[in-house]
C-alpha atoms as a PDB file:
ATOM      1  CA  MET A   1      -0.149  -0.001   0.259  1.00  0.00           C
ATOM      2  CA  ASN A   2       2.587   2.578   0.880  1.00  0.00           C
ATOM      3  CA  ASN A   3       6.004   2.346   0.304  1.00  0.00           C
ATOM      4  CA  SER A   4       7.246   5.406   2.552  1.00  0.00           C
ATOM      5  CA  PHE A   5       6.149   6.820   5.795  1.00  0.00           C
ATOM      6  CA  VAL A   6       7.711  10.069   5.027  1.00  0.00           C
ATOM      7  CA  PRO A   7       5.223  12.271   3.099  1.00  0.00           C
ATOM      8  CA  ASN A   8       6.529  14.100   0.182  1.00  0.00           C
ATOM      9  CA  THR A   9       4.793  17.011  -1.224  1.00  0.00           C
ATOM     10  CA  SER A  10       5.932  16.568  -4.532  1.00  0.00           C
ATOM     11  CA  CYS A  11       3.649  13.249  -5.016  1.00  0.00           C
ATOM     12  CA  HIS A  12       0.429  15.172  -3.998  1.00  0.00           C
ATOM     13  CA  ASN A  13      -0.517  15.807  -7.625  1.00  0.00           C
ATOM     14  CA  THR A  14       2.000  13.614  -9.806  1.00  0.00           C
ATOM     15  CA  PRO A  15       0.320  11.729 -12.620  1.00  0.00           C
ATOM     16  CA  SER A  16       2.550   8.983 -12.525  1.00  0.00           C
ATOM     17  CA  ILE A  17       4.477   6.649  -9.891  1.00  0.00           C
ATOM     18  CA  ILE A  18       7.520   8.279  -8.843  1.00  0.00           C
ATOM     19  CA  GLY A  19      10.661   5.983  -8.371  1.00  0.00           C
ATOM     20  CA  TYR A  20       8.919   2.880  -8.282  1.00  0.00           C
ATOM     21  CA  ALA A  21       7.519   1.923 -11.451  1.00  0.00           C
ATOM     22  CA  GLY A  22       7.415  -1.560 -12.229  1.00  0.00           C
ATOM     23  CA  LYS A  23       8.299  -2.480  -8.903  1.00  0.00           C
ATOM     24  CA  PRO A  24       5.210  -3.626  -6.828  1.00  0.00           C
ATOM     25  CA  THR A  25       7.380  -5.962  -4.884  1.00  0.00           C
ATOM     26  CA  THR A  26       6.663  -4.805  -1.525  1.00  0.00           C
ATOM     27  CA  SER A  27       3.007  -4.405  -2.187  1.00  0.00           C
ATOM     28  CA  ILE A  28       2.601  -7.999  -3.341  1.00  0.00           C
ATOM     29  CA  ILE A  29       4.503  -9.347  -0.443  1.00  0.00           C
ATOM     30  CA  MET A  30       2.160  -7.109   2.138  1.00  0.00           C
ATOM     31  CA  PHE A  31      -0.946  -8.392   0.205  1.00  0.00           C
ATOM     32  CA  LEU A  32       0.029 -12.095   0.307  1.00  0.00           C
ATOM     33  CA  ALA A  33       0.955 -11.925   4.119  1.00  0.00           C
ATOM     34  CA  GLY A  34      -2.169 -10.068   5.009  1.00  0.00           C
ATOM     35  CA  VAL A  35      -4.341 -12.482   3.173  1.00  0.00           C
ATOM     36  CA  GLY A  36      -2.609 -15.456   4.092  1.00  0.00           C
ATOM     37  CA  GLY A  37      -2.044 -14.587   7.491  1.00  0.00           C
ATOM     38  CA  ASN A  38      -5.828 -13.850   8.159  1.00  0.00           C
ATOM     39  CA  LEU A  39      -7.016 -16.828   6.518  1.00  0.00           C
ATOM     40  CA  LEU A  40      -4.746 -18.970   8.683  1.00  0.00           C
ATOM     41  CA  ALA A  41      -5.962 -17.326  11.752  1.00  0.00           C
ATOM     42  CA  LEU A  42      -9.490 -17.939  10.882  1.00  0.00           C
ATOM     43  CA  PHE A  43      -8.658 -21.488  10.202  1.00  0.00           C
ATOM     44  CA  ILE A  44      -7.243 -21.913  13.394  1.00  0.00           C
ATOM     45  CA  LEU A  45      -9.946 -20.223  15.206  1.00  0.00           C
ATOM     46  CA  GLY A  46     -12.223 -22.797  13.522  1.00  0.00           C
ATOM     47  CA  VAL A  47     -10.633 -26.076  14.206  1.00  0.00           C
ATOM     48  CA  HIS A  48     -10.273 -24.713  17.800  1.00  0.00           C
ATOM     49  CA  GLN A  49     -14.044 -24.312  18.035  1.00  0.00           C
ATOM     50  CA  LYS A  50     -14.573 -27.364  16.386  1.00  0.00           C
ATOM     51  CA  GLU A  51     -12.202 -29.332  18.659  1.00  0.00           C
ATOM     52  CA  HIS A  52     -13.664 -28.076  21.761  1.00  0.00           C
ATOM     53  CA  ARG A  53     -17.245 -28.296  20.829  1.00  0.00           C
ATOM     54  CA  SER A  54     -17.992 -25.091  22.212  1.00  0.00           C
ATOM     55  CA  ARG A  55     -19.678 -21.757  21.729  1.00  0.00           C
ATOM     56  CA  SER A  56     -17.123 -18.944  20.773  1.00  0.00           C
ATOM     57  CA  SER A  57     -15.958 -17.090  23.606  1.00  0.00           C
ATOM     58  CA  VAL A  58     -16.062 -13.419  24.004  1.00  0.00           C
ATOM     59  CA  PHE A  59     -12.245 -13.205  23.038  1.00  0.00           C
ATOM     60  CA  CYS A  60     -12.526 -15.575  19.911  1.00  0.00           C
ATOM     61  CA  ILE A  61     -15.478 -13.175  18.861  1.00  0.00           C
ATOM     62  CA  LEU A  62     -13.001 -10.439  18.810  1.00  0.00           C
ATOM     63  CA  VAL A  63     -10.153 -12.190  17.280  1.00  0.00           C
ATOM     64  CA  THR A  64     -12.525 -13.347  14.557  1.00  0.00           C
ATOM     65  CA  GLY A  65     -13.883  -9.602  14.036  1.00  0.00           C
ATOM     66  CA  LEU A  66     -10.167  -8.423  13.906  1.00  0.00           C
ATOM     67  CA  ALA A  67      -9.145 -11.074  11.160  1.00  0.00           C
ATOM     68  CA  LEU A  68     -12.353 -10.520   9.143  1.00  0.00           C
ATOM     69  CA  THR A  69     -11.746  -6.838   9.162  1.00  0.00           C
ATOM     70  CA  ASP A  70      -8.092  -6.808   8.392  1.00  0.00           C
ATOM     71  CA  LEU A  71      -8.454  -9.361   5.546  1.00  0.00           C
ATOM     72  CA  LEU A  72     -11.334  -7.296   4.252  1.00  0.00           C
ATOM     73  CA  GLY A  73      -9.221  -4.062   4.329  1.00  0.00           C
ATOM     74  CA  THR A  74      -6.146  -5.835   2.784  1.00  0.00           C
ATOM     75  CA  CYS A  75      -8.448  -7.232  -0.247  1.00  0.00           C
ATOM     76  CA  LEU A  76      -9.964  -3.632  -1.057  1.00  0.00           C
ATOM     77  CA  LEU A  77      -7.041  -1.414  -0.706  1.00  0.00           C
ATOM     78  CA  SER A  78      -4.468  -3.838  -2.825  1.00  0.00           C
ATOM     79  CA  PRO A  79      -6.378  -4.000  -6.245  1.00  0.00           C
ATOM     80  CA  PRO A  80      -6.193  -0.125  -6.904  1.00  0.00           C
ATOM     81  CA  VAL A  81      -2.614  -0.350  -5.912  1.00  0.00           C
ATOM     82  CA  PHE A  82      -1.990  -3.053  -8.158  1.00  0.00           C
ATOM     83  CA  ILE A  83      -3.623  -1.396 -11.132  1.00  0.00           C
ATOM     84  CA  CYS A  84      -1.549   1.814 -10.486  1.00  0.00           C
ATOM     85  CA  TYR A  85       1.597  -0.109 -10.982  1.00  0.00           C
ATOM     86  CA  ALA A  86       0.440  -2.129 -14.011  1.00  0.00           C
ATOM     87  CA  HIS A  87      -0.330   1.231 -15.928  1.00  0.00           C
ATOM     88  CA  ASP A  88       2.316   3.165 -14.236  1.00  0.00           C
ATOM     89  CA  THR A  89      -0.136   5.840 -13.189  1.00  0.00           C
ATOM     90  CA  SER A  90      -0.786   7.621  -9.991  1.00  0.00           C
ATOM     91  CA  LEU A  91      -4.104   7.139  -7.893  1.00  0.00           C
ATOM     92  CA  ILE A  92      -5.060  10.623  -8.701  1.00  0.00           C
ATOM     93  CA  SER A  93      -4.777   9.781 -12.273  1.00  0.00           C
ATOM     94  CA  LEU A  94      -6.538   6.469 -12.164  1.00  0.00           C
ATOM     95  CA  GLY A  95      -9.718   7.869 -10.580  1.00  0.00           C
ATOM     96  CA  GLY A  96      -9.205  11.639  -9.655  1.00  0.00           C
ATOM     97  CA  ASP A  97      -9.882  13.420  -6.106  1.00  0.00           C
ATOM     98  CA  ARG A  98     -12.660  10.921  -5.765  1.00  0.00           C
ATOM     99  CA  LEU A  99     -10.682   7.732  -5.532  1.00  0.00           C
ATOM    100  CA  CYS A 100      -8.157   9.442  -3.686  1.00  0.00           C
ATOM    101  CA  ASN A 101     -10.914  10.645  -0.869  1.00  0.00           C
ATOM    102  CA  LEU A 102     -12.335   6.857  -0.993  1.00  0.00           C
ATOM    103  CA  PHE A 103      -8.773   5.299  -0.586  1.00  0.00           C
ATOM    104  CA  GLY A 104      -8.012   7.670   1.870  1.00  0.00           C
ATOM    105  CA  PHE A 105     -11.014   7.001   3.864  1.00  0.00           C
ATOM    106  CA  ALA A 106     -10.332   3.389   3.536  1.00  0.00           C
ATOM    107  CA  VAL A 107      -7.027   3.498   4.730  1.00  0.00           C
ATOM    108  CA  SER A 108      -8.025   5.347   7.802  1.00  0.00           C
ATOM    109  CA  PHE A 109     -10.846   3.295   8.759  1.00  0.00           C
ATOM    110  CA  PHE A 110      -8.912  -0.120   8.198  1.00  0.00           C
ATOM    111  CA  GLY A 111      -6.157   1.397  10.375  1.00  0.00           C
ATOM    112  CA  LEU A 112      -8.460   2.627  13.149  1.00  0.00           C
ATOM    113  CA  ALA A 113     -11.104  -0.184  13.213  1.00  0.00           C
ATOM    114  CA  PRO A 114      -8.646  -3.054  13.979  1.00  0.00           C
ATOM    115  CA  THR A 115      -6.928  -1.200  16.397  1.00  0.00           C
ATOM    116  CA  LEU A 116     -10.031  -0.291  18.552  1.00  0.00           C
ATOM    117  CA  ILE A 117     -10.727  -4.200  18.137  1.00  0.00           C
ATOM    118  CA  LEU A 118      -7.244  -4.857  19.550  1.00  0.00           C
ATOM    119  CA  CYS A 119      -7.871  -2.479  22.522  1.00  0.00           C
ATOM    120  CA  ALA A 120     -11.189  -4.171  23.258  1.00  0.00           C
ATOM    121  CA  MET A 121      -9.438  -7.617  23.341  1.00  0.00           C
ATOM    122  CA  ALA A 122      -6.667  -6.183  25.549  1.00  0.00           C
ATOM    123  CA  LEU A 123      -9.416  -4.710  28.039  1.00  0.00           C
ATOM    124  CA  GLU A 124     -11.598  -7.951  27.890  1.00  0.00           C
ATOM    125  CA  ARG A 125      -8.405 -10.150  28.777  1.00  0.00           C
ATOM    126  CA  CYS A 126      -7.681  -7.350  31.552  1.00  0.00           C
ATOM    127  CA  LEU A 127     -11.090  -7.862  32.974  1.00  0.00           C
ATOM    128  CA  ALA A 128     -11.121 -11.746  32.602  1.00  0.00           C
ATOM    129  CA  ILE A 129      -7.878 -11.907  34.552  1.00  0.00           C
ATOM    130  CA  SER A 130      -8.058  -8.901  37.010  1.00  0.00           C
ATOM    131  CA  HIS A 131     -11.605  -8.833  37.885  1.00  0.00           C
ATOM    132  CA  PRO A 132     -13.205 -12.259  37.114  1.00  0.00           C
ATOM    133  CA  TYR A 133     -16.372 -11.790  38.960  1.00  0.00           C
ATOM    134  CA  PHE A 134     -17.404  -8.673  37.148  1.00  0.00           C
ATOM    135  CA  TYR A 135     -16.365 -10.312  34.100  1.00  0.00           C
ATOM    136  CA  ALA A 136     -18.649 -13.409  34.669  1.00  0.00           C
ATOM    137  CA  VAL A 137     -21.711 -11.530  35.741  1.00  0.00           C
ATOM    138  CA  HIS A 138     -21.398  -8.716  32.852  1.00  0.00           C
ATOM    139  CA  ILE A 139     -19.565  -9.646  29.864  1.00  0.00           C
ATOM    140  CA  ARG A 140     -21.428 -11.903  27.310  1.00  0.00           C
ATOM    141  CA  ARG A 141     -20.924 -13.174  23.766  1.00  0.00           C
ATOM    142  CA  SER A 142     -23.830 -10.273  23.066  1.00  0.00           C
ATOM    143  CA  PHE A 143     -21.489  -7.802  24.455  1.00  0.00           C
ATOM    144  CA  ALA A 144     -18.773  -8.720  22.108  1.00  0.00           C
ATOM    145  CA  LYS A 145     -21.017  -8.483  19.391  1.00  0.00           C
ATOM    146  CA  PHE A 146     -22.288  -5.008  20.488  1.00  0.00           C
ATOM    147  CA  THR A 147     -18.775  -3.842  20.884  1.00  0.00           C
ATOM    148  CA  LEU A 148     -17.916  -4.908  17.274  1.00  0.00           C
ATOM    149  CA  PHE A 149     -20.863  -2.949  16.063  1.00  0.00           C
ATOM    150  CA  PHE A 150     -19.979   0.102  17.986  1.00  0.00           C
ATOM    151  CA  ILE A 151     -16.334  -0.207  16.819  1.00  0.00           C
ATOM    152  CA  TYR A 152     -17.252  -0.209  13.366  1.00  0.00           C
ATOM    153  CA  LEU A 153     -20.008   2.576  13.604  1.00  0.00           C
ATOM    154  CA  PHE A 154     -17.506   4.872  15.364  1.00  0.00           C
ATOM    155  CA  SER A 155     -14.855   4.092  13.012  1.00  0.00           C
ATOM    156  CA  LEU A 156     -17.097   4.788   9.950  1.00  0.00           C
ATOM    157  CA  ALA A 157     -18.235   8.074  11.397  1.00  0.00           C
ATOM    158  CA  PHE A 158     -14.729   9.249  12.603  1.00  0.00           C
ATOM    159  CA  CYS A 159     -13.157   8.355   9.191  1.00  0.00           C
ATOM    160  CA  LEU A 160     -15.961  10.207   7.297  1.00  0.00           C
ATOM    161  CA  LEU A 161     -15.290  13.589   8.888  1.00  0.00           C
ATOM    162  CA  PRO A 162     -13.078  14.752   6.087  1.00  0.00           C
ATOM    163  CA  TYR A 163     -16.047  14.723   3.827  1.00  0.00           C
ATOM    164  CA  SER A 164     -17.812  17.257   6.145  1.00  0.00           C
ATOM    165  CA  GLY A 165     -14.982  19.710   5.847  1.00  0.00           C
ATOM    166  CA  TYR A 166     -13.350  18.598   8.902  1.00  0.00           C
ATOM    167  CA  GLY A 167      -9.819  17.209   7.791  1.00  0.00           C
ATOM    168  CA  LYS A 168      -8.689  16.057   4.122  1.00  0.00           C
ATOM    169  CA  PHE A 169      -7.102  13.328   2.115  1.00  0.00           C
ATOM    170  CA  ARG A 170      -4.078  13.544   0.026  1.00  0.00           C
ATOM    171  CA  GLN A 171      -2.136  11.739  -2.234  1.00  0.00           C
ATOM    172  CA  TYR A 172       1.369  10.532  -1.106  1.00  0.00           C
ATOM    173  CA  CYS A 173       4.607   9.038  -2.777  1.00  0.00           C
ATOM    174  CA  PRO A 174       5.062   7.023  -4.739  1.00  0.00           C
ATOM    175  CA  GLY A 175       1.565   7.911  -5.836  1.00  0.00           C
ATOM    176  CA  THR A 176      -0.263   4.689  -5.405  1.00  0.00           C
ATOM    177  CA  TRP A 177      -1.842   5.686  -1.995  1.00  0.00           C
ATOM    178  CA  CYS A 178      -3.969   8.505  -0.250  1.00  0.00           C
ATOM    179  CA  PHE A 179      -4.152   9.246   3.342  1.00  0.00           C
ATOM    180  CA  VAL A 180      -4.986  12.271   5.937  1.00  0.00           C
ATOM    181  CA  ASP A 181      -3.525  15.361   4.697  1.00  0.00           C
ATOM    182  CA  MET A 182      -0.702  16.284   7.210  1.00  0.00           C
ATOM    183  CA  ASP A 183       0.251  19.565   5.548  1.00  0.00           C
ATOM    184  CA  ALA A 184      -2.598  21.700   4.461  1.00  0.00           C
ATOM    185  CA  THR A 185      -0.157  24.304   3.076  1.00  0.00           C
ATOM    186  CA  GLY A 186      -2.158  27.032   1.133  1.00  0.00           C
ATOM    187  CA  ASP A 187      -5.444  25.126   2.227  1.00  0.00           C
ATOM    188  CA  ASP A 188      -8.097  27.921   3.245  1.00  0.00           C
ATOM    189  CA  ARG A 189      -9.331  25.464   6.103  1.00  0.00           C
ATOM    190  CA  ALA A 190      -6.016  24.497   7.311  1.00  0.00           C
ATOM    191  CA  ASN A 191      -6.680  24.478  10.786  1.00  0.00           C
ATOM    192  CA  LEU A 192      -9.562  22.076  10.413  1.00  0.00           C
ATOM    193  CA  VAL A 193      -6.983  19.769   8.402  1.00  0.00           C
ATOM    194  CA  LEU A 194      -4.475  19.769  10.965  1.00  0.00           C
ATOM    195  CA  ALA A 195      -7.009  19.264  13.765  1.00  0.00           C
ATOM    196  CA  PHE A 196      -8.262  16.191  12.234  1.00  0.00           C
ATOM    197  CA  SER A 197      -4.907  14.865  11.648  1.00  0.00           C
ATOM    198  CA  LEU A 198      -4.040  15.529  15.194  1.00  0.00           C
ATOM    199  CA  SER A 199      -7.305  13.888  16.341  1.00  0.00           C
ATOM    200  CA  TYR A 200      -6.523  10.617  14.387  1.00  0.00           C
ATOM    201  CA  SER A 201      -2.852  10.375  15.276  1.00  0.00           C
ATOM    202  CA  SER A 202      -3.731  11.114  18.985  1.00  0.00           C
ATOM    203  CA  LEU A 203      -6.319   8.653  18.982  1.00  0.00           C
ATOM    204  CA  MET A 204      -4.454   5.876  17.497  1.00  0.00           C
ATOM    205  CA  ALA A 205      -1.465   6.859  20.121  1.00  0.00           C
ATOM    206  CA  LEU A 206      -3.963   6.657  22.957  1.00  0.00           C
ATOM    207  CA  LEU A 207      -5.061   3.070  22.083  1.00  0.00           C
ATOM    208  CA  ILE A 208      -1.794   1.822  21.564  1.00  0.00           C
ATOM    209  CA  PHE A 209      -1.019   2.831  24.927  1.00  0.00           C
ATOM    210  CA  ILE A 210      -4.114   1.327  26.428  1.00  0.00           C
ATOM    211  CA  VAL A 211      -3.243  -1.815  24.758  1.00  0.00           C
ATOM    212  CA  PHE A 212       0.207  -1.757  26.490  1.00  0.00           C
ATOM    213  CA  VAL A 213      -1.278  -0.845  29.924  1.00  0.00           C
ATOM    214  CA  CYS A 214      -3.877  -3.642  29.713  1.00  0.00           C
ATOM    215  CA  ASN A 215      -1.398  -6.342  28.386  1.00  0.00           C
ATOM    216  CA  GLY A 216       1.009  -5.291  31.334  1.00  0.00           C
ATOM    217  CA  SER A 217      -1.881  -5.436  33.946  1.00  0.00           C
ATOM    218  CA  VAL A 218      -2.495  -9.122  32.804  1.00  0.00           C
ATOM    219  CA  ILE A 219       0.981 -10.225  33.067  1.00  0.00           C
ATOM    220  CA  VAL A 220       1.300  -9.010  36.530  1.00  0.00           C
ATOM    221  CA  SER A 221      -2.100 -10.399  37.611  1.00  0.00           C
ATOM    222  CA  LEU A 222      -1.335 -13.820  36.306  1.00  0.00           C
ATOM    223  CA  CYS A 223       2.292 -13.802  37.984  1.00  0.00           C
ATOM    224  CA  GLN A 224       0.788 -12.648  41.354  1.00  0.00           C
ATOM    225  CA  MET A 225      -2.077 -15.141  41.144  1.00  0.00           C
ATOM    226  CA  HIS A 226       0.588 -18.000  40.631  1.00  0.00           C
ATOM    227  CA  ARG A 227       2.905 -16.669  43.453  1.00  0.00           C
ATOM    228  CA  ASN A 228       0.011 -16.318  45.762  1.00  0.00           C
ATOM    229  CA  HIS A 229      -1.120 -19.806  45.043  1.00  0.00           C
ATOM    230  CA  MET A 230       2.170 -21.210  45.769  1.00  0.00           C
ATOM    231  CA  VAL A 231       2.352 -19.416  49.138  1.00  0.00           C
ATOM    232  CA  ARG A 232      -0.801 -20.835  50.339  1.00  0.00           C
ATOM    233  CA  ARG A 233       0.152 -23.918  49.678  1.00  0.00           C
ATOM    234  CA  GLY A 234       4.074 -23.826  50.506  1.00  0.00           C
ATOM    235  CA  SER A 235       3.761 -24.502  54.139  1.00  0.00           C
ATOM    236  CA  VAL A 236       1.861 -27.920  53.840  1.00  0.00           C
ATOM    237  CA  VAL A 237       3.102 -29.754  50.592  1.00  0.00           C
ATOM    238  CA  SER A 238       6.515 -31.162  49.684  1.00  0.00           C
ATOM    239  CA  VAL A 239       8.702 -29.824  47.081  1.00  0.00           C
ATOM    240  CA  ALA A 240       7.271 -32.570  44.574  1.00  0.00           C
ATOM    241  CA  ARG A 241       3.604 -31.396  45.668  1.00  0.00           C
ATOM    242  CA  LYS A 242       4.492 -27.995  44.895  1.00  0.00           C
ATOM    243  CA  LYS A 243       5.580 -28.806  41.421  1.00  0.00           C
ATOM    244  CA  ARG A 244       2.269 -30.828  40.635  1.00  0.00           C
ATOM    245  CA  LEU A 245       0.393 -27.802  41.839  1.00  0.00           C
ATOM    246  CA  SER A 246       2.222 -25.563  39.806  1.00  0.00           C
ATOM    247  CA  LEU A 247       1.568 -27.699  36.665  1.00  0.00           C
ATOM    248  CA  ALA A 248      -1.997 -27.866  37.628  1.00  0.00           C
ATOM    249  CA  TRP A 249      -2.271 -24.484  38.164  1.00  0.00           C
ATOM    250  CA  PHE A 250      -0.964 -23.599  34.453  1.00  0.00           C
ATOM    251  CA  GLY A 251      -2.968 -26.189  33.152  1.00  0.00           C
ATOM    252  CA  ARG A 252      -6.104 -24.391  34.264  1.00  0.00           C
ATOM    253  CA  GLY A 253      -4.512 -21.250  33.228  1.00  0.00           C
ATOM    254  CA  GLU A 254      -3.583 -22.310  29.703  1.00  0.00           C
ATOM    255  CA  GLU A 255      -6.422 -20.893  27.742  1.00  0.00           C
ATOM    256  CA  GLU A 256      -5.809 -17.651  29.580  1.00  0.00           C
ATOM    257  CA  MET A 257      -1.644 -17.769  28.784  1.00  0.00           C
ATOM    258  CA  ASP A 258      -2.805 -18.786  25.242  1.00  0.00           C
ATOM    259  CA  HIS A 259      -5.067 -15.770  24.929  1.00  0.00           C
ATOM    260  CA  LEU A 260      -2.472 -13.629  26.325  1.00  0.00           C
ATOM    261  CA  VAL A 261       0.480 -14.755  23.904  1.00  0.00           C
ATOM    262  CA  LEU A 262      -1.917 -14.434  21.024  1.00  0.00           C
ATOM    263  CA  LEU A 263      -2.705 -10.889  21.901  1.00  0.00           C
ATOM    264  CA  ALA A 264       0.948  -9.958  22.760  1.00  0.00           C
ATOM    265  CA  LEU A 265       1.815 -11.237  19.098  1.00  0.00           C
ATOM    266  CA  ILE A 266      -1.202  -9.442  17.228  1.00  0.00           C
ATOM    267  CA  THR A 267      -0.119  -6.213  19.350  1.00  0.00           C
ATOM    268  CA  VAL A 268       3.494  -6.578  18.135  1.00  0.00           C
ATOM    269  CA  ILE A 269       2.367  -6.635  14.593  1.00  0.00           C
ATOM    270  CA  PHE A 270       0.168  -3.895  14.903  1.00  0.00           C
ATOM    271  CA  VAL A 271       2.515  -1.599  16.773  1.00  0.00           C
ATOM    272  CA  VAL A 272       5.157  -2.173  14.202  1.00  0.00           C
ATOM    273  CA  CYS A 273       2.972  -1.783  11.096  1.00  0.00           C
ATOM    274  CA  SER A 274       1.153   1.517  12.512  1.00  0.00           C
ATOM    275  CA  LEU A 275       3.229   3.148  14.874  1.00  0.00           C
ATOM    276  CA  PRO A 276       5.726   4.811  12.440  1.00  0.00           C
ATOM    277  CA  LEU A 277       2.710   6.157  10.421  1.00  0.00           C
ATOM    278  CA  THR A 278       1.341   7.290  13.598  1.00  0.00           C
ATOM    279  CA  VAL A 279       4.472   8.856  14.928  1.00  0.00           C
ATOM    280  CA  CYS A 280       5.094  10.590  11.489  1.00  0.00           C
ATOM    281  CA  LEU A 281       1.532  11.898  11.620  1.00  0.00           C
ATOM    282  CA  ARG A 282       1.563  13.332  15.075  1.00  0.00           C
ATOM    283  CA  VAL A 283       5.128  14.817  14.479  1.00  0.00           C
ATOM    284  CA  GLN A 284       4.461  16.281  11.075  1.00  0.00           C
ATOM    285  CA  CYS A 285       1.156  17.954  12.118  1.00  0.00           C
ATOM    286  CA  THR A 286       2.777  19.278  15.312  1.00  0.00           C
ATOM    287  CA  CYS A 287       5.511  20.826  13.361  1.00  0.00           C
ATOM    288  CA  VAL A 288       3.180  22.651  10.885  1.00  0.00           C
ATOM    289  CA  SER A 289       1.089  23.782  13.541  1.00  0.00           C
ATOM    290  CA  LEU A 290       4.018  25.517  15.283  1.00  0.00           C
ATOM    291  CA  SER A 291       5.191  26.713  11.945  1.00  0.00           C
END
């Protein structure tokens, strides 16, 4: 999709691809990795549910929503990029401002919605481990479905704001993608454009921070639970008994650990992919607003 995190004003209105003509290797690798990874995740979720013959948990519903959302985003955003490379033409030349705005909306939506789902997954694990009674009483499968619906609705409304004048989408190098305008130089509504850019980057940064805090809280809670369990048993059992109890505790907590490991891996991948763009967006907008 994007081959450079650093915006270049020379690409805003370029009619052809700059510097990358005939070299869509990165985009193809990203497309194959995105489709393959998400299909594999959906397959594993299906096998897991079939083996345990149980209804999907709240966490599994959220993971499924995340995989489907990311898969849809990959399948919708990649074809225009491939067409641009095939014809050596920029997105603006291919479909004008309308296509650029639509592409920019899609990029922002499929960046925000999965991050919100990831945040919901982290909060769900935090409640399940740190507040099990509250979780057992209030968190149901229907709550997970409502959460996904609210995330999609909020992301849709937020990313449509540029169409109302609050914000703007713009083409970036090498000319194959559009995203939130970070510059707004010479725009008669520059303040609104920069305000939306700052709002988007700040929201993304906040969500990533919440995910890290919740994951850290879950790790600490799991360690404390195991330590407290061993302390209570330590004065009345032998060393061998301690070992068996430890294994039994981890057996009961195996599903929680699996969820935590999966969540940690997804978090790392999302941070690696989204944090550079989020930081770049935040820094660029701050520098422009101060200049």
